Amino acid sequence: MLYSKENKMDKPISFIGFKLMSFMFKVRDILRPRLEVLVEAGIEPGSCILDYGCGPGSYIIPLAELVGPSGKIYALDINPLAIKEVKKIVKRRKIENIEIIESNCDTRLPDSHVNVVLLYDTFHDLSQPDEVLQEIHRVLKPVGALSFSDHHMNEKDIIAGLTSKGMFKLSKKGSKTYSFSKVG
């Protein structure tokens, strides 16, 4: 998600900050396509995916390709600018199997609904990470996976941060992501 450092989960980053970040993501995506990251998440055709903290939508197009027309994508972010960018992508690409959610935590999705949750480069910025992990745990199917990446954190902090409350356990470490399975 896109938050200011000062207020964390309370406010989205500024317009200029968002535009700068979006530009940097576009450059990153050219140099390192997002599909390479998503391959490690084990997304299959027909999967139901939650992109938690979707930002300007870097993962939306490759997600749509991976899940196909029978899959479903939920793109969630707190920042209205991010929501606007994702809506542009959806309209331009005519992606029909996506729902966009503007929220700071609550997905409004049913329990055990999602196959894979993407939590990429977001966790370090959360002021209340336990609430977000509880929501992710709630919406994940029993055999669902949490695909995690955050270049602001070291491996020890990533594993501790996601497993300390007993909701998730590390199931796989890839070259670009960590995969956590739901406990309980």
N, C-alpha and C. Protein backbone atom coordinates (compact mmCIF):
# COMPACT_ATOMS: atom_id res chain seq x y z
N MET A 1 0.83 -1.17 0.00
CA MET A 1 0.00 0.00 0.00
C MET A 1 0.88 1.23 0.00
N LEU A 2 0.28 2.32 -0.25
CA LEU A 2 1.05 3.53 -0.42
C LEU A 2 0.74 4.50 0.70
N TYR A 3 1.64 4.58 1.66
CA TYR A 3 1.42 5.42 2.82
C TYR A 3 2.56 6.39 2.97
N SER A 4 2.29 7.50 3.62
CA SER A 4 3.38 8.40 3.98
C SER A 4 4.10 7.79 5.17
N LYS A 5 5.39 8.00 5.28
CA LYS A 5 6.17 7.47 6.38
C LYS A 5 5.70 8.05 7.71
N GLU A 6 5.31 9.32 7.73
CA GLU A 6 4.92 9.97 8.97
C GLU A 6 3.63 9.38 9.54
N ASN A 7 2.66 9.13 8.72
CA ASN A 7 1.35 8.71 9.19
C ASN A 7 1.09 7.23 8.95
N LYS A 8 1.97 6.57 8.29
CA LYS A 8 1.83 5.16 7.94
C LYS A 8 0.43 4.85 7.43
N MET A 9 -0.28 3.96 8.07
CA MET A 9 -1.53 3.44 7.57
C MET A 9 -2.64 4.49 7.50
N ASP A 10 -2.40 5.67 8.03
CA ASP A 10 -3.45 6.66 8.14
C ASP A 10 -3.71 7.46 6.87
N LYS A 11 -2.69 7.75 6.09
CA LYS A 11 -2.87 8.60 4.91
C LYS A 11 -2.08 8.05 3.72
N PRO A 12 -2.64 8.18 2.53
CA PRO A 12 -1.87 7.82 1.33
C PRO A 12 -0.74 8.83 1.10
N ILE A 13 0.25 8.44 0.33
CA ILE A 13 1.32 9.38 0.00
C ILE A 13 0.77 10.49 -0.88
N SER A 14 1.55 11.55 -0.99
CA SER A 14 1.13 12.72 -1.76
C SER A 14 1.03 12.42 -3.25
N PHE A 15 0.40 13.32 -3.96
CA PHE A 15 0.26 13.20 -5.41
C PHE A 15 1.63 13.11 -6.08
N ILE A 16 2.53 14.01 -5.72
CA ILE A 16 3.87 14.02 -6.33
C ILE A 16 4.63 12.76 -5.96
N GLY A 17 4.53 12.35 -4.70
CA GLY A 17 5.18 11.12 -4.27
C GLY A 17 4.66 9.91 -5.02
N PHE A 18 3.35 9.88 -5.22
CA PHE A 18 2.74 8.77 -5.94
C PHE A 18 3.20 8.74 -7.40
N LYS A 19 3.21 9.90 -8.05
CA LYS A 19 3.63 9.96 -9.45
C LYS A 19 5.10 9.54 -9.60
N LEU A 20 5.94 9.97 -8.68
CA LEU A 20 7.35 9.59 -8.71
C LEU A 20 7.50 8.08 -8.52
N MET A 21 6.79 7.55 -7.55
CA MET A 21 6.84 6.11 -7.29
C MET A 21 6.33 5.34 -8.51
N SER A 22 5.24 5.79 -9.11
CA SER A 22 4.69 5.12 -10.29
C SER A 22 5.69 5.09 -11.43
N PHE A 23 6.38 6.20 -11.64
CA PHE A 23 7.40 6.26 -12.69
C PHE A 23 8.52 5.26 -12.39
N MET A 24 8.97 5.22 -11.15
CA MET A 24 10.04 4.28 -10.78
C MET A 24 9.59 2.84 -10.99
N PHE A 25 8.33 2.54 -10.68
CA PHE A 25 7.80 1.19 -10.88
C PHE A 25 7.76 0.84 -12.37
N LYS A 26 7.42 1.80 -13.21
CA LYS A 26 7.38 1.53 -14.66
C LYS A 26 8.77 1.18 -15.17
N VAL A 27 9.77 1.89 -14.72
CA VAL A 27 11.16 1.58 -15.10
C VAL A 27 11.53 0.19 -14.59
N ARG A 28 11.23 -0.08 -13.32
CA ARG A 28 11.51 -1.39 -12.73
C ARG A 28 10.84 -2.51 -13.53
N ASP A 29 9.59 -2.29 -13.91
CA ASP A 29 8.84 -3.33 -14.61
C ASP A 29 9.39 -3.62 -15.99
N ILE A 30 10.01 -2.63 -16.62
CA ILE A 30 10.66 -2.86 -17.91
C ILE A 30 11.92 -3.69 -17.71
N LEU A 31 12.68 -3.36 -16.68
CA LEU A 31 13.94 -4.07 -16.41
C LEU A 31 13.71 -5.46 -15.83
N ARG A 32 12.70 -5.59 -14.98
CA ARG A 32 12.37 -6.86 -14.33
C ARG A 32 10.87 -7.08 -14.39
N PRO A 33 10.39 -7.70 -15.44
CA PRO A 33 8.94 -7.90 -15.59
C PRO A 33 8.30 -8.58 -14.38
N ARG A 34 7.14 -8.14 -14.03
CA ARG A 34 6.42 -8.64 -12.84
C ARG A 34 6.01 -10.09 -12.98
N LEU A 35 5.86 -10.58 -14.20
CA LEU A 35 5.51 -11.98 -14.40
C LEU A 35 6.56 -12.89 -13.77
N GLU A 36 7.83 -12.47 -13.81
CA GLU A 36 8.90 -13.26 -13.21
C GLU A 36 8.70 -13.43 -11.71
N VAL A 37 8.14 -12.42 -11.06
CA VAL A 37 7.86 -12.49 -9.63
C VAL A 37 6.66 -13.39 -9.38
N LEU A 38 5.63 -13.22 -10.19
CA LEU A 38 4.38 -13.95 -9.98
C LEU A 38 4.51 -15.45 -10.21
N VAL A 39 5.44 -15.88 -11.02
CA VAL A 39 5.63 -17.30 -11.28
C VAL A 39 5.87 -18.06 -9.97
N GLU A 40 6.60 -17.44 -9.05
CA GLU A 40 6.89 -18.10 -7.77
C GLU A 40 5.66 -18.25 -6.89
N ALA A 41 4.63 -17.47 -7.14
CA ALA A 41 3.41 -17.51 -6.31
C ALA A 41 2.54 -18.73 -6.61
N GLY A 42 2.80 -19.42 -7.70
CA GLY A 42 2.04 -20.61 -8.04
C GLY A 42 0.62 -20.33 -8.49
N ILE A 43 0.43 -19.22 -9.16
CA ILE A 43 -0.91 -18.83 -9.62
C ILE A 43 -1.28 -19.66 -10.84
N GLU A 44 -2.48 -20.22 -10.81
CA GLU A 44 -2.95 -21.06 -11.89
C GLU A 44 -4.19 -20.46 -12.54
N PRO A 45 -4.51 -20.88 -13.76
CA PRO A 45 -5.76 -20.43 -14.38
C PRO A 45 -6.94 -20.75 -13.46
N GLY A 46 -7.85 -19.81 -13.35
CA GLY A 46 -9.02 -19.99 -12.50
C GLY A 46 -8.82 -19.58 -11.05
N SER A 47 -7.60 -19.19 -10.68
CA SER A 47 -7.32 -18.79 -9.30
C SER A 47 -8.01 -17.48 -8.94
N CYS A 48 -8.24 -17.34 -7.66
CA CYS A 48 -8.79 -16.10 -7.10
C CYS A 48 -7.64 -15.44 -6.33
N ILE A 49 -7.28 -14.21 -6.73
CA ILE A 49 -6.09 -13.53 -6.21
C ILE A 49 -6.47 -12.21 -5.57
N LEU A 50 -5.83 -11.91 -4.44
CA LEU A 50 -5.95 -10.60 -3.81
C LEU A 50 -4.59 -9.93 -3.86
N ASP A 51 -4.50 -8.82 -4.60
CA ASP A 51 -3.28 -8.01 -4.66
C ASP A 51 -3.44 -6.93 -3.59
N TYR A 52 -2.90 -7.21 -2.40
CA TYR A 52 -3.09 -6.36 -1.23
C TYR A 52 -2.03 -5.26 -1.24
N GLY A 53 -2.47 -4.04 -1.48
CA GLY A 53 -1.54 -2.93 -1.65
C GLY A 53 -1.08 -2.88 -3.10
N CYS A 54 -2.04 -2.86 -3.99
CA CYS A 54 -1.76 -3.00 -5.43
C CYS A 54 -1.01 -1.82 -6.03
N GLY A 55 -0.97 -0.68 -5.34
CA GLY A 55 -0.28 0.48 -5.89
C GLY A 55 -0.83 0.83 -7.26
N PRO A 56 0.04 1.28 -8.15
CA PRO A 56 -0.41 1.72 -9.48
C PRO A 56 -0.72 0.59 -10.44
N GLY A 57 -0.75 -0.65 -9.95
CA GLY A 57 -1.22 -1.76 -10.78
C GLY A 57 -0.16 -2.52 -11.56
N SER A 58 1.06 -2.54 -11.08
CA SER A 58 2.14 -3.23 -11.79
C SER A 58 1.86 -4.70 -12.06
N TYR A 59 1.10 -5.34 -11.17
CA TYR A 59 0.87 -6.78 -11.30
C TYR A 59 -0.43 -7.12 -12.01
N ILE A 60 -1.27 -6.15 -12.29
CA ILE A 60 -2.61 -6.41 -12.80
C ILE A 60 -2.60 -7.14 -14.15
N ILE A 61 -1.84 -6.66 -15.11
CA ILE A 61 -1.83 -7.29 -16.44
C ILE A 61 -1.27 -8.71 -16.38
N PRO A 62 -0.10 -8.94 -15.75
CA PRO A 62 0.36 -10.34 -15.69
C PRO A 62 -0.56 -11.24 -14.86
N LEU A 63 -1.20 -10.68 -13.83
CA LEU A 63 -2.17 -11.49 -13.08
C LEU A 63 -3.33 -11.92 -13.97
N ALA A 64 -3.85 -10.98 -14.75
CA ALA A 64 -4.96 -11.30 -15.64
C ALA A 64 -4.56 -12.40 -16.62
N GLU A 65 -3.33 -12.36 -17.10
CA GLU A 65 -2.85 -13.41 -18.01
C GLU A 65 -2.78 -14.76 -17.30
N LEU A 66 -2.29 -14.77 -16.06
CA LEU A 66 -2.12 -16.02 -15.33
C LEU A 66 -3.44 -16.65 -14.91
N VAL A 67 -4.38 -15.85 -14.41
CA VAL A 67 -5.64 -16.43 -13.92
C VAL A 67 -6.61 -16.73 -15.05
N GLY A 68 -6.43 -16.03 -16.17
CA GLY A 68 -7.31 -16.24 -17.31
C GLY A 68 -8.72 -15.75 -17.04
N PRO A 69 -9.61 -15.94 -18.02
CA PRO A 69 -10.98 -15.41 -17.89
C PRO A 69 -11.79 -16.09 -16.80
N SER A 70 -11.39 -17.28 -16.38
CA SER A 70 -12.15 -17.97 -15.33
C SER A 70 -11.67 -17.62 -13.93
N GLY A 71 -10.59 -16.85 -13.82
CA GLY A 71 -10.07 -16.44 -12.52
C GLY A 71 -10.65 -15.11 -12.08
N LYS A 72 -10.24 -14.69 -10.90
CA LYS A 72 -10.73 -13.43 -10.33
C LYS A 72 -9.57 -12.72 -9.65
N ILE A 73 -9.52 -11.40 -9.83
CA ILE A 73 -8.48 -10.57 -9.20
C ILE A 73 -9.17 -9.51 -8.36
N TYR A 74 -8.70 -9.36 -7.14
CA TYR A 74 -9.10 -8.25 -6.29
C TYR A 74 -7.88 -7.38 -6.10
N ALA A 75 -7.99 -6.11 -6.43
CA ALA A 75 -6.88 -5.15 -6.28
C ALA A 75 -7.26 -4.17 -5.18
N LEU A 76 -6.51 -4.18 -4.08
CA LEU A 76 -6.83 -3.35 -2.93
C LEU A 76 -5.72 -2.34 -2.66
N ASP A 77 -6.11 -1.11 -2.38
CA ASP A 77 -5.16 -0.09 -1.96
C ASP A 77 -5.91 0.99 -1.20
N ILE A 78 -5.19 1.71 -0.36
CA ILE A 78 -5.76 2.82 0.40
C ILE A 78 -5.74 4.12 -0.40
N ASN A 79 -4.85 4.21 -1.36
CA ASN A 79 -4.62 5.46 -2.07
C ASN A 79 -5.58 5.63 -3.24
N PRO A 80 -6.39 6.70 -3.24
CA PRO A 80 -7.31 6.94 -4.36
C PRO A 80 -6.57 7.09 -5.70
N LEU A 81 -5.33 7.58 -5.68
CA LEU A 81 -4.56 7.69 -6.92
C LEU A 81 -4.22 6.30 -7.47
N ALA A 82 -3.90 5.37 -6.58
CA ALA A 82 -3.64 4.00 -7.01
C ALA A 82 -4.89 3.38 -7.60
N ILE A 83 -6.00 3.58 -6.94
CA ILE A 83 -7.27 3.05 -7.43
C ILE A 83 -7.57 3.60 -8.82
N LYS A 84 -7.33 4.88 -9.00
CA LYS A 84 -7.57 5.52 -10.30
C LYS A 84 -6.69 4.91 -11.39
N GLU A 85 -5.41 4.68 -11.08
CA GLU A 85 -4.49 4.08 -12.05
C GLU A 85 -4.90 2.67 -12.42
N VAL A 86 -5.30 1.89 -11.43
CA VAL A 86 -5.73 0.51 -11.71
C VAL A 86 -6.99 0.53 -12.58
N LYS A 87 -7.91 1.43 -12.29
CA LYS A 87 -9.11 1.53 -13.11
C LYS A 87 -8.76 1.87 -14.56
N LYS A 88 -7.76 2.71 -14.77
CA LYS A 88 -7.32 3.03 -16.14
C LYS A 88 -6.81 1.79 -16.85
N ILE A 89 -5.99 1.01 -16.14
CA ILE A 89 -5.44 -0.22 -16.72
C ILE A 89 -6.58 -1.17 -17.09
N VAL A 90 -7.50 -1.34 -16.18
CA VAL A 90 -8.62 -2.26 -16.39
C VAL A 90 -9.44 -1.83 -17.60
N LYS A 91 -9.72 -0.55 -17.70
CA LYS A 91 -10.51 -0.04 -18.82
C LYS A 91 -9.75 -0.18 -20.14
N ARG A 92 -8.48 0.23 -20.14
CA ARG A 92 -7.67 0.19 -21.36
C ARG A 92 -7.48 -1.24 -21.86
N ARG A 93 -7.25 -2.17 -20.93
CA ARG A 93 -7.01 -3.57 -21.29
C ARG A 93 -8.27 -4.41 -21.35
N LYS A 94 -9.39 -3.81 -20.98
CA LYS A 94 -10.68 -4.50 -20.98
C LYS A 94 -10.64 -5.77 -20.13
N ILE A 95 -10.08 -5.63 -18.94
CA ILE A 95 -10.01 -6.74 -17.99
C ILE A 95 -11.34 -6.79 -17.25
N GLU A 96 -12.04 -7.89 -17.39
CA GLU A 96 -13.39 -7.99 -16.84
C GLU A 96 -13.47 -8.72 -15.51
N ASN A 97 -12.43 -9.48 -15.17
CA ASN A 97 -12.50 -10.31 -13.98
C ASN A 97 -11.73 -9.70 -12.80
N ILE A 98 -11.93 -8.41 -12.59
CA ILE A 98 -11.23 -7.72 -11.51
C ILE A 98 -12.22 -6.86 -10.72
N GLU A 99 -11.99 -6.84 -9.42
CA GLU A 99 -12.75 -5.95 -8.55
C GLU A 99 -11.73 -5.08 -7.81
N ILE A 100 -11.98 -3.80 -7.77
CA ILE A 100 -11.05 -2.85 -7.15
C ILE A 100 -11.63 -2.42 -5.81
N ILE A 101 -10.79 -2.48 -4.77
CA ILE A 101 -11.23 -2.19 -3.41
C ILE A 101 -10.37 -1.08 -2.83
N GLU A 102 -10.99 0.02 -2.46
CA GLU A 102 -10.28 1.10 -1.78
C GLU A 102 -10.48 0.92 -0.28
N SER A 103 -9.40 0.55 0.42
CA SER A 103 -9.49 0.25 1.85
C SER A 103 -8.10 0.27 2.46
N ASN A 104 -8.04 0.49 3.77
CA ASN A 104 -6.76 0.41 4.45
C ASN A 104 -6.54 -0.95 5.10
N CYS A 105 -7.56 -1.79 5.19
CA CYS A 105 -7.38 -3.12 5.76
C CYS A 105 -8.50 -4.07 5.36
N ASP A 106 -9.74 -3.69 5.58
CA ASP A 106 -10.89 -4.55 5.35
C ASP A 106 -11.10 -4.81 3.86
N THR A 107 -11.06 -6.07 3.49
CA THR A 107 -11.25 -6.44 2.08
C THR A 107 -12.72 -6.57 1.70
N ARG A 108 -13.57 -6.79 2.68
CA ARG A 108 -14.99 -7.04 2.46
C ARG A 108 -15.23 -8.33 1.65
N LEU A 109 -14.26 -9.22 1.66
CA LEU A 109 -14.39 -10.50 0.96
C LEU A 109 -14.89 -11.57 1.93
N PRO A 110 -15.53 -12.61 1.42
CA PRO A 110 -15.98 -13.71 2.29
C PRO A 110 -14.79 -14.47 2.89
N ASP A 111 -15.04 -15.15 3.98
CA ASP A 111 -14.03 -16.01 4.59
C ASP A 111 -13.58 -17.09 3.60
N SER A 112 -12.32 -17.46 3.69
CA SER A 112 -11.76 -18.57 2.89
C SER A 112 -12.12 -18.48 1.41
N HIS A 113 -11.89 -17.32 0.82
CA HIS A 113 -12.33 -17.04 -0.55
C HIS A 113 -11.19 -17.00 -1.57
N VAL A 114 -9.98 -16.71 -1.12
CA VAL A 114 -8.87 -16.38 -2.02
C VAL A 114 -7.83 -17.50 -2.04
N ASN A 115 -7.33 -17.83 -3.24
CA ASN A 115 -6.26 -18.82 -3.37
C ASN A 115 -4.90 -18.26 -3.00
N VAL A 116 -4.60 -17.06 -3.47
CA VAL A 116 -3.29 -16.45 -3.25
C VAL A 116 -3.46 -14.97 -2.93
N VAL A 117 -2.75 -14.52 -1.89
CA VAL A 117 -2.68 -13.09 -1.57
C VAL A 117 -1.27 -12.64 -1.88
N LEU A 118 -1.16 -11.55 -2.63
CA LEU A 118 0.13 -10.92 -2.89
C LEU A 118 0.30 -9.78 -1.89
N LEU A 119 1.39 -9.81 -1.15
CA LEU A 119 1.72 -8.74 -0.21
C LEU A 119 3.16 -8.32 -0.54
N TYR A 120 3.26 -7.43 -1.53
CA TYR A 120 4.55 -7.05 -2.07
C TYR A 120 4.89 -5.61 -1.72
N ASP A 121 6.04 -5.46 -1.08
CA ASP A 121 6.61 -4.15 -0.75
C ASP A 121 5.61 -3.26 0.00
N THR A 122 4.92 -3.85 0.95
CA THR A 122 3.89 -3.16 1.70
C THR A 122 4.06 -3.30 3.20
N PHE A 123 4.45 -4.46 3.64
CA PHE A 123 4.45 -4.81 5.06
C PHE A 123 5.25 -3.83 5.92
N HIS A 124 6.39 -3.40 5.44
CA HIS A 124 7.26 -2.50 6.22
C HIS A 124 6.59 -1.18 6.55
N ASP A 125 5.57 -0.81 5.80
CA ASP A 125 4.92 0.49 5.95
C ASP A 125 3.63 0.43 6.77
N LEU A 126 3.25 -0.75 7.20
CA LEU A 126 1.98 -0.89 7.93
C LEU A 126 2.15 -0.48 9.39
N SER A 127 1.26 0.35 9.88
CA SER A 127 1.31 0.73 11.29
C SER A 127 0.67 -0.36 12.16
N GLN A 128 -0.23 -1.15 11.59
CA GLN A 128 -0.88 -2.23 12.33
C GLN A 128 -0.83 -3.52 11.50
N PRO A 129 0.36 -4.08 11.36
CA PRO A 129 0.50 -5.26 10.50
C PRO A 129 -0.30 -6.47 10.97
N ASP A 130 -0.49 -6.61 12.28
CA ASP A 130 -1.25 -7.77 12.77
C ASP A 130 -2.69 -7.76 12.27
N GLU A 131 -3.30 -6.58 12.19
CA GLU A 131 -4.67 -6.49 11.67
C GLU A 131 -4.73 -6.90 10.20
N VAL A 132 -3.73 -6.49 9.43
CA VAL A 132 -3.68 -6.86 8.01
C VAL A 132 -3.48 -8.37 7.88
N LEU A 133 -2.58 -8.93 8.67
CA LEU A 133 -2.36 -10.38 8.60
C LEU A 133 -3.61 -11.16 9.02
N GLN A 134 -4.34 -10.65 10.01
CA GLN A 134 -5.60 -11.31 10.41
C GLN A 134 -6.60 -11.30 9.26
N GLU A 135 -6.69 -10.17 8.56
CA GLU A 135 -7.62 -10.07 7.43
C GLU A 135 -7.19 -11.01 6.30
N ILE A 136 -5.90 -11.05 6.02
CA ILE A 136 -5.39 -11.95 4.98
C ILE A 136 -5.66 -13.40 5.37
N HIS A 137 -5.40 -13.73 6.62
CA HIS A 137 -5.66 -15.10 7.11
C HIS A 137 -7.13 -15.45 6.95
N ARG A 138 -8.00 -14.51 7.26
CA ARG A 138 -9.44 -14.75 7.18
C ARG A 138 -9.90 -15.04 5.74
N VAL A 139 -9.38 -14.30 4.77
CA VAL A 139 -9.87 -14.45 3.39
C VAL A 139 -9.17 -15.57 2.62
N LEU A 140 -8.03 -16.04 3.10
CA LEU A 140 -7.33 -17.13 2.41
C LEU A 140 -8.05 -18.46 2.59
N LYS A 141 -8.10 -19.23 1.54
CA LYS A 141 -8.60 -20.59 1.63
C LYS A 141 -7.66 -21.40 2.51
N PRO A 142 -8.14 -22.51 3.10
CA PRO A 142 -7.27 -23.32 3.97
C PRO A 142 -5.96 -23.74 3.31
N VAL A 143 -5.98 -23.98 2.02
CA VAL A 143 -4.75 -24.36 1.32
C VAL A 143 -4.19 -23.18 0.51
N GLY A 144 -4.61 -21.98 0.87
CA GLY A 144 -4.16 -20.78 0.18
C GLY A 144 -2.72 -20.42 0.52
N ALA A 145 -2.18 -19.49 -0.23
CA ALA A 145 -0.79 -19.06 -0.03
C ALA A 145 -0.70 -17.54 0.05
N LEU A 146 0.17 -17.09 0.92
CA LEU A 146 0.52 -15.68 1.01
C LEU A 146 1.88 -15.53 0.35
N SER A 147 1.92 -14.84 -0.78
CA SER A 147 3.17 -14.58 -1.49
C SER A 147 3.68 -13.23 -1.02
N PHE A 148 4.90 -13.20 -0.50
CA PHE A 148 5.41 -12.03 0.19
C PHE A 148 6.77 -11.61 -0.36
N SER A 149 6.91 -10.30 -0.50
CA SER A 149 8.20 -9.71 -0.85
C SER A 149 8.24 -8.30 -0.29
N ASP A 150 9.35 -7.92 0.30
CA ASP A 150 9.51 -6.56 0.81
C ASP A 150 11.00 -6.26 0.89
N HIS A 151 11.49 -5.52 -0.08
CA HIS A 151 12.93 -5.26 -0.14
C HIS A 151 13.41 -4.32 0.96
N HIS A 152 12.51 -3.82 1.78
CA HIS A 152 12.89 -2.97 2.91
C HIS A 152 13.20 -3.79 4.16
N MET A 153 13.00 -5.09 4.10
CA MET A 153 13.15 -5.96 5.26
C MET A 153 14.17 -7.06 4.99
N ASN A 154 14.84 -7.51 6.04
CA ASN A 154 15.76 -8.64 5.90
C ASN A 154 14.99 -9.94 6.14
N GLU A 155 15.59 -11.04 5.77
CA GLU A 155 14.91 -12.34 5.84
C GLU A 155 14.44 -12.67 7.25
N LYS A 156 15.27 -12.43 8.23
CA LYS A 156 14.91 -12.74 9.63
C LYS A 156 13.64 -11.99 10.04
N ASP A 157 13.57 -10.70 9.72
CA ASP A 157 12.41 -9.89 10.08
C ASP A 157 11.17 -10.29 9.28
N ILE A 158 11.35 -10.69 8.04
CA ILE A 158 10.23 -11.15 7.22
C ILE A 158 9.61 -12.39 7.86
N ILE A 159 10.43 -13.38 8.12
CA ILE A 159 9.92 -14.64 8.67
C ILE A 159 9.30 -14.42 10.04
N ALA A 160 9.97 -13.67 10.91
CA ALA A 160 9.43 -13.38 12.24
C ALA A 160 8.13 -12.59 12.15
N GLY A 161 8.09 -11.60 11.28
CA GLY A 161 6.92 -10.76 11.15
C GLY A 161 5.69 -11.50 10.68
N LEU A 162 5.88 -12.52 9.87
CA LEU A 162 4.73 -13.24 9.33
C LEU A 162 4.37 -14.50 10.11
N THR A 163 5.30 -15.02 10.90
CA THR A 163 5.02 -16.28 11.61
C THR A 163 4.81 -16.11 13.11
N SER A 164 5.15 -14.98 13.66
CA SER A 164 5.15 -14.81 15.12
C SER A 164 3.78 -14.98 15.77
N LYS A 165 2.71 -14.69 15.09
CA LYS A 165 1.36 -14.81 15.67
C LYS A 165 0.73 -16.18 15.41
N GLY A 166 1.45 -17.06 14.72
CA GLY A 166 0.96 -18.41 14.51
C GLY A 166 -0.11 -18.55 13.43
N MET A 167 -0.30 -17.51 12.64
CA MET A 167 -1.31 -17.58 11.57
C MET A 167 -0.74 -18.15 10.28
N PHE A 168 0.58 -18.00 10.09
CA PHE A 168 1.23 -18.43 8.85
C PHE A 168 2.53 -19.14 9.18
N LYS A 169 2.92 -20.04 8.27
CA LYS A 169 4.24 -20.67 8.38
C LYS A 169 4.91 -20.59 7.02
N LEU A 170 6.21 -20.46 7.04
CA LEU A 170 6.98 -20.40 5.80
C LEU A 170 6.89 -21.74 5.11
N SER A 171 6.47 -21.72 3.86
CA SER A 171 6.38 -22.97 3.10
C SER A 171 7.43 -23.07 2.00
N LYS A 172 7.91 -21.90 1.52
CA LYS A 172 8.89 -21.92 0.44
C LYS A 172 9.57 -20.57 0.33
N LYS A 173 10.87 -20.62 0.11
CA LYS A 173 11.62 -19.39 -0.17
C LYS A 173 12.07 -19.47 -1.62
N GLY A 174 11.60 -18.53 -2.42
CA GLY A 174 12.00 -18.46 -3.82
C GLY A 174 13.12 -17.45 -3.99
N SER A 175 13.49 -17.19 -5.22
CA SER A 175 14.55 -16.21 -5.47
C SER A 175 14.03 -14.77 -5.38
N LYS A 176 12.70 -14.60 -5.51
CA LYS A 176 12.13 -13.25 -5.48
C LYS A 176 11.07 -13.06 -4.39
N THR A 177 10.50 -14.16 -3.92
CA THR A 177 9.42 -14.09 -2.95
C THR A 177 9.54 -15.18 -1.88
N TYR A 178 8.78 -14.99 -0.83
CA TYR A 178 8.59 -16.00 0.21
C TYR A 178 7.13 -16.44 0.11
N SER A 179 6.89 -17.71 0.28
CA SER A 179 5.51 -18.22 0.29
C SER A 179 5.20 -18.72 1.69
N PHE A 180 4.07 -18.27 2.20
CA PHE A 180 3.61 -18.68 3.53
C PHE A 180 2.27 -19.38 3.38
N SER A 181 2.10 -20.45 4.14
CA SER A 181 0.82 -21.16 4.14
C SER A 181 0.04 -20.80 5.39
N LYS A 182 -1.24 -20.92 5.28
CA LYS A 182 -2.16 -20.59 6.36
C LYS A 182 -2.11 -21.69 7.43
N VAL A 183 -2.08 -21.29 8.68
CA VAL A 183 -2.12 -22.21 9.80
C VAL A 183 -3.49 -22.08 10.45
N GLY A 184 -4.12 -23.20 10.71
CA GLY A 184 -5.40 -23.18 11.41
C GLY A 184 -6.59 -22.84 10.61
